């Protein structure tokens, strides 16, 4: 009977261990992949302001657009340009032997190539909590409490043509590089608080600063004049007068805060 009980508990222990291991490994993998410091916390559940996720619409090229894009040496990645190409109704006649023509679609940002995606975990100070325990007789505990609503905005760091299209491409690339939820605008709501506590010793004053992090994205945009060239029943994309321009942007990390606790 004792041997049976031992076997039962041993089997139960192995099952519980097996169930626990995958979730632990996954959590460690996510933490390692995101490379988020321990003093940076996700407040998405506690945030009293419901930030809308800035999901960027991924516009997939249709069959014809994909064929046209694959025939161009310069990668075409601008979602707005791909959308225009998808909606193009230019269809040369199959009997148009010897016909040639060029349709000018305008000057476009063709793609954005990232060179740096650096995270500033203390991009903007958004809250300060203080506790005075100078005259106290016991250690006191203090926690984060958002005293007023704060809006954090990102922006391009320089002037450039078609800024909205550039911002979209930079956001997509920075999100891919950092694996973090990014948006050009995020809000920390009033009364947002966390259960995490910090000890303030006797005869000391505790100061807890909260910062909104942001990604400093830098790279290069390729511009060009886009034409659809018609030759008989075939059409191809031609990109002419290609230029490149460096650009940077600050893109806030949504629903994350970085904390700094000091005692003086």
Protein backbone atom coordinates (compact mmCIF):
# COMPACT_ATOMS: atom_id res chain seq x y z
CA UNK A 1 0.00 0.00 0.00
CA UNK A 2 2.84 2.38 0.89
CA UNK A 3 4.60 1.58 -2.41
CA UNK A 4 1.38 2.35 -4.29
CA UNK A 5 1.01 5.73 -2.54
CA UNK A 6 4.63 6.62 -3.25
CA UNK A 7 4.22 5.75 -6.93
CA UNK A 8 1.03 7.83 -7.10
CA UNK A 9 2.61 10.95 -5.57
CA UNK A 10 5.74 10.56 -7.69
CA UNK A 11 3.63 10.39 -10.86
CA UNK A 12 1.60 13.42 -9.74
CA UNK A 13 4.82 15.36 -9.08
CA UNK A 14 6.12 14.59 -12.57
CA UNK A 15 2.85 15.70 -14.18
CA UNK A 16 2.82 19.02 -12.29
CA UNK A 17 6.46 19.60 -13.16
CA UNK A 18 5.77 18.93 -16.84
CA UNK A 19 2.81 21.35 -16.87
CA UNK A 20 4.82 24.10 -15.17
CA UNK A 21 7.93 23.90 -17.32
CA UNK A 22 6.54 25.12 -20.70
CA UNK A 23 4.95 28.30 -19.27
CA UNK A 24 8.12 29.12 -17.40
CA UNK A 25 10.24 28.63 -20.49
CA UNK A 26 7.87 30.76 -22.58
CA UNK A 27 7.96 33.61 -20.06
CA UNK A 28 11.75 33.54 -19.98
CA UNK A 29 11.83 33.46 -23.77
CA UNK A 30 9.54 36.51 -24.08
CA UNK A 31 11.57 38.42 -21.47
CA UNK A 32 14.82 37.60 -23.21
CA UNK A 33 13.44 38.45 -26.66
CA UNK A 34 12.03 41.83 -25.61
CA UNK A 35 15.09 42.65 -23.45
CA UNK A 36 12.96 44.68 -21.04
CA UNK A 37 14.76 45.80 -17.82
CA UNK A 38 13.31 44.69 -14.49
CA UNK A 39 12.39 48.26 -13.50
CA UNK A 40 10.15 48.64 -16.58
CA UNK A 41 6.60 47.36 -16.06
CA UNK A 42 3.61 46.66 -18.28
CA UNK A 43 0.65 48.73 -17.02
CA UNK A 44 -1.84 47.85 -19.79
CA UNK A 45 -4.24 46.20 -17.30
CA UNK A 46 -3.93 48.94 -14.66
CA UNK A 47 -3.99 51.96 -17.00
CA UNK A 48 -7.25 53.85 -16.44
CA UNK A 49 -7.05 55.30 -19.95
CA UNK A 50 -7.96 52.67 -22.60
CA UNK A 51 -5.32 53.24 -25.26
CA UNK A 52 -6.41 51.98 -28.64
CA UNK A 53 -3.83 49.67 -30.17
CA UNK A 54 -2.28 51.36 -33.19
CA UNK A 55 -2.40 48.30 -35.40
CA UNK A 56 -1.12 49.19 -38.83
CA UNK A 57 -3.06 47.75 -41.72
CA UNK A 58 -0.82 45.34 -43.58
CA UNK A 59 -1.64 45.80 -47.25
CA UNK A 60 -0.73 42.70 -49.22
CA UNK A 61 0.00 43.10 -52.94
CA UNK A 62 -2.46 41.29 -55.19
CA UNK A 63 -1.21 38.82 -57.79
CA UNK A 64 -0.58 41.41 -60.53
CA UNK A 65 1.02 43.93 -58.14
CA UNK A 66 3.28 41.22 -56.74
CA UNK A 67 4.47 40.38 -60.26
CA UNK A 68 5.14 44.06 -60.98
CA UNK A 69 7.02 44.58 -57.68
CA UNK A 70 9.20 41.51 -58.18
CA UNK A 71 10.41 42.94 -61.47
CA UNK A 72 11.84 46.10 -59.82
CA UNK A 73 15.37 46.32 -58.41
CA UNK A 74 14.31 48.73 -55.64
CA UNK A 75 12.11 47.07 -52.96
CA UNK A 76 8.65 48.65 -52.90
CA UNK A 77 7.42 48.59 -49.27
CA UNK A 78 5.26 51.71 -48.90
CA UNK A 79 1.76 50.39 -48.00
CA UNK A 80 0.07 53.39 -49.65
CA UNK A 81 1.92 52.84 -52.93
CA UNK A 82 1.09 49.12 -52.85
CA UNK A 83 -2.57 50.05 -52.30
CA UNK A 84 -2.52 52.34 -55.37
CA UNK A 85 -0.95 49.60 -57.46
CA UNK A 86 -3.57 47.11 -56.24
CA UNK A 87 -6.33 49.48 -57.34
CA UNK A 88 -4.77 50.20 -60.73
CA UNK A 89 -7.13 49.41 -63.63
CA UNK A 90 -4.62 49.87 -66.42
CA UNK A 91 -5.09 46.87 -68.68
CA UNK A 92 -3.34 46.99 -72.05
CA UNK A 93 -5.28 45.36 -74.87
CA UNK A 94 -3.97 41.88 -75.78
CA UNK A 95 -4.05 42.93 -79.46
CA UNK A 96 -2.14 46.18 -78.90
CA UNK A 97 0.88 45.03 -80.88
CA UNK A 98 3.62 47.64 -80.94
CA UNK A 99 1.85 49.91 -78.43
CA UNK A 100 4.08 51.76 -75.95
CA UNK A 101 3.21 54.19 -73.21
CA UNK A 102 4.14 55.49 -69.75
CA UNK A 103 1.69 56.25 -66.94
CA UNK A 104 3.13 58.55 -64.27
CA UNK A 105 1.92 57.72 -60.72
CA UNK A 106 3.84 60.51 -58.99
CA UNK A 107 6.87 60.82 -56.75
CA UNK A 108 6.65 58.41 -53.80
CA UNK A 109 8.58 57.25 -50.74
CA UNK A 110 9.46 53.76 -51.99
CA UNK A 111 10.81 52.15 -48.82
CA UNK A 112 12.39 52.80 -45.43
CA UNK A 113 15.57 51.06 -44.29
CA UNK A 114 16.24 51.06 -40.54
CA UNK A 115 19.78 51.63 -39.28
CA UNK A 116 19.06 52.01 -35.52
CA UNK A 117 16.22 51.18 -33.13
CA UNK A 118 17.34 52.38 -29.68
CA UNK A 119 15.07 52.41 -26.63
CA UNK A 120 15.18 55.30 -24.18
CA UNK A 121 13.48 53.89 -21.08
CA UNK A 122 13.36 57.38 -19.50
CA UNK A 123 12.07 59.34 -22.51
CA UNK A 124 9.62 61.52 -20.56
CA UNK A 125 8.98 62.02 -16.83
CA UNK A 126 5.22 61.63 -16.35
CA UNK A 127 4.78 61.25 -12.56
CA UNK A 128 6.48 61.79 -9.20
CA UNK A 129 5.36 60.22 -5.92
CA UNK A 130 6.97 61.29 -2.63
CA UNK A 131 6.78 60.06 0.95
CA UNK A 132 8.34 61.85 3.92
CA UNK A 133 9.32 59.47 6.74
CA UNK A 134 11.76 61.84 8.46
CA UNK A 135 9.76 61.92 11.68
CA UNK A 136 8.51 58.34 11.45
CA UNK A 137 9.17 55.51 13.86
CA UNK A 138 8.66 52.62 11.41
CA UNK A 139 9.57 51.78 7.86
CA UNK A 140 6.84 53.02 5.53
CA UNK A 141 5.73 51.63 2.17
CA UNK A 142 4.90 53.70 -0.90
CA UNK A 143 3.53 52.74 -4.31
CA UNK A 144 3.10 54.27 -7.75
CA UNK A 145 -0.01 56.43 -8.18
CA UNK A 146 -0.59 58.54 -11.31
CA UNK A 147 -1.57 61.98 -10.08
CA UNK A 148 -2.80 63.42 -13.37
CA UNK A 149 -3.44 62.25 -16.93
CA UNK A 150 -0.38 62.43 -19.17
CA UNK A 151 -0.22 62.25 -22.94
CA UNK A 152 3.04 61.19 -24.57
CA UNK A 153 3.53 62.06 -28.22
CA UNK A 154 6.10 60.94 -30.74
CA UNK A 155 7.17 62.65 -33.95
CA UNK A 156 9.65 62.74 -36.77
CA UNK A 157 12.87 64.53 -35.89
CA UNK A 158 13.17 66.36 -39.22
CA UNK A 159 11.24 67.64 -42.21
CA UNK A 160 10.54 65.24 -45.05
CA UNK A 161 8.05 64.82 -47.89
CA UNK A 162 5.01 62.60 -47.28
CA UNK A 163 5.56 62.51 -43.47
CA UNK A 164 2.49 60.36 -42.72
CA UNK A 165 3.63 57.61 -45.07
CA UNK A 166 7.15 57.80 -43.63
CA UNK A 167 5.82 57.55 -40.06
CA UNK A 168 3.83 54.44 -40.96
CA UNK A 169 6.85 52.69 -42.48
CA UNK A 170 9.07 53.66 -39.54
CA UNK A 171 6.50 52.43 -37.01
CA UNK A 172 6.22 49.07 -38.76
CA UNK A 173 9.99 48.65 -38.88
CA UNK A 174 10.57 49.77 -35.25
CA UNK A 175 7.84 47.43 -33.99
CA UNK A 176 9.45 44.57 -35.89
CA UNK A 177 12.91 45.39 -34.50
CA UNK A 178 11.94 45.90 -30.84
CA UNK A 179 8.97 43.50 -30.46
CA UNK A 180 7.28 46.21 -28.35
CA UNK A 181 3.81 47.83 -28.67
CA UNK A 182 4.53 51.21 -30.26
CA UNK A 183 2.32 54.19 -31.08
CA UNK A 184 2.93 57.84 -31.90
CA UNK A 185 0.51 58.78 -29.14
CA UNK A 186 -0.19 57.07 -25.83
CA UNK A 187 -1.88 58.21 -22.61
CA UNK A 188 -1.36 57.31 -18.96
CA UNK A 189 -4.68 57.84 -17.15
CA UNK A 190 -5.25 59.64 -13.87
CA UNK A 191 -5.54 57.28 -10.86
CA UNK A 192 -3.51 54.53 -12.55
CA UNK A 193 -1.71 52.62 -9.78
CA UNK A 194 0.31 49.48 -9.17
CA UNK A 195 0.53 47.15 -6.18
CA UNK A 196 4.35 47.17 -6.21
CA UNK A 197 5.65 48.77 -3.00
CA UNK A 198 8.93 50.48 -2.06
CA UNK A 199 10.28 50.76 1.49
CA UNK A 200 11.05 54.19 2.91
CA UNK A 201 13.40 53.86 5.94
CA UNK A 202 13.06 55.85 9.17
CA UNK A 203 14.36 59.41 8.96
CA UNK A 204 14.34 59.27 5.14
CA UNK A 205 12.31 60.59 2.25
CA UNK A 206 11.32 58.34 -0.66
CA UNK A 207 10.91 59.58 -4.23
CA UNK A 208 9.42 57.38 -6.96
CA UNK A 209 9.69 58.74 -10.50
CA UNK A 210 7.79 57.20 -13.41
CA UNK A 211 8.97 57.63 -17.00
CA UNK A 212 7.35 56.86 -20.33
CA UNK A 213 9.80 54.99 -22.62
CA UNK A 214 10.16 55.56 -26.36
CA UNK A 215 12.09 54.18 -29.30
CA UNK A 216 14.53 56.40 -31.16
CA UNK A 217 14.22 55.07 -34.70
CA UNK A 218 16.74 56.14 -37.36
CA UNK A 219 17.13 55.17 -40.98
CA UNK A 220 16.93 56.16 -44.62
CA UNK A 221 14.01 56.71 -46.98
CA UNK A 222 14.27 56.02 -50.70
CA UNK A 223 12.21 58.29 -52.96
CA UNK A 224 11.51 57.89 -56.66
CA UNK A 225 9.22 58.78 -59.54
CA UNK A 226 7.00 55.81 -60.23
CA UNK A 227 5.83 54.95 -63.76
CA UNK A 228 3.88 52.07 -65.20
CA UNK A 229 5.40 51.28 -68.58
CA UNK A 230 3.14 49.69 -71.19
CA UNK A 231 4.60 47.59 -73.98
CA UNK A 232 2.00 45.90 -76.11
CA UNK A 233 -0.01 43.68 -73.73
CA UNK A 234 2.64 43.84 -70.96
CA UNK A 235 3.21 46.37 -68.21
CA UNK A 236 6.11 46.92 -65.83
CA UNK A 237 7.07 49.40 -63.10
CA UNK A 238 9.84 51.90 -63.71
CA UNK A 239 11.34 54.00 -60.90
CA UNK A 240 13.31 57.05 -61.98
CA UNK A 241 15.20 59.94 -60.38
CA UNK A 242 15.88 57.99 -57.19
CA UNK A 243 17.05 59.93 -54.11
CA UNK A 244 17.64 59.00 -50.47
CA UNK A 245 17.17 60.98 -47.27
CA UNK A 246 18.04 60.19 -43.66
CA UNK A 247 15.31 60.58 -41.05
CA UNK A 248 14.67 59.86 -37.39
CA UNK A 249 11.65 59.56 -35.14
CA UNK A 250 10.66 59.18 -31.51
CA UNK A 251 7.96 56.53 -31.07
CA UNK A 252 6.52 55.99 -27.54
CA UNK A 253 6.15 52.51 -26.09
CA UNK A 254 2.49 52.04 -25.29
CA UNK A 255 1.36 51.09 -21.76
CA UNK A 256 4.84 50.64 -20.28
CA UNK A 257 6.48 52.68 -17.52
CA UNK A 258 10.04 52.84 -16.23
CA UNK A 259 10.45 53.42 -12.47
CA UNK A 260 13.26 55.04 -10.51
CA UNK A 261 13.14 54.90 -6.70
CA UNK A 262 15.45 57.05 -4.59
CA UNK A 263 15.88 57.55 -0.84
CA UNK A 264 17.41 60.71 0.58
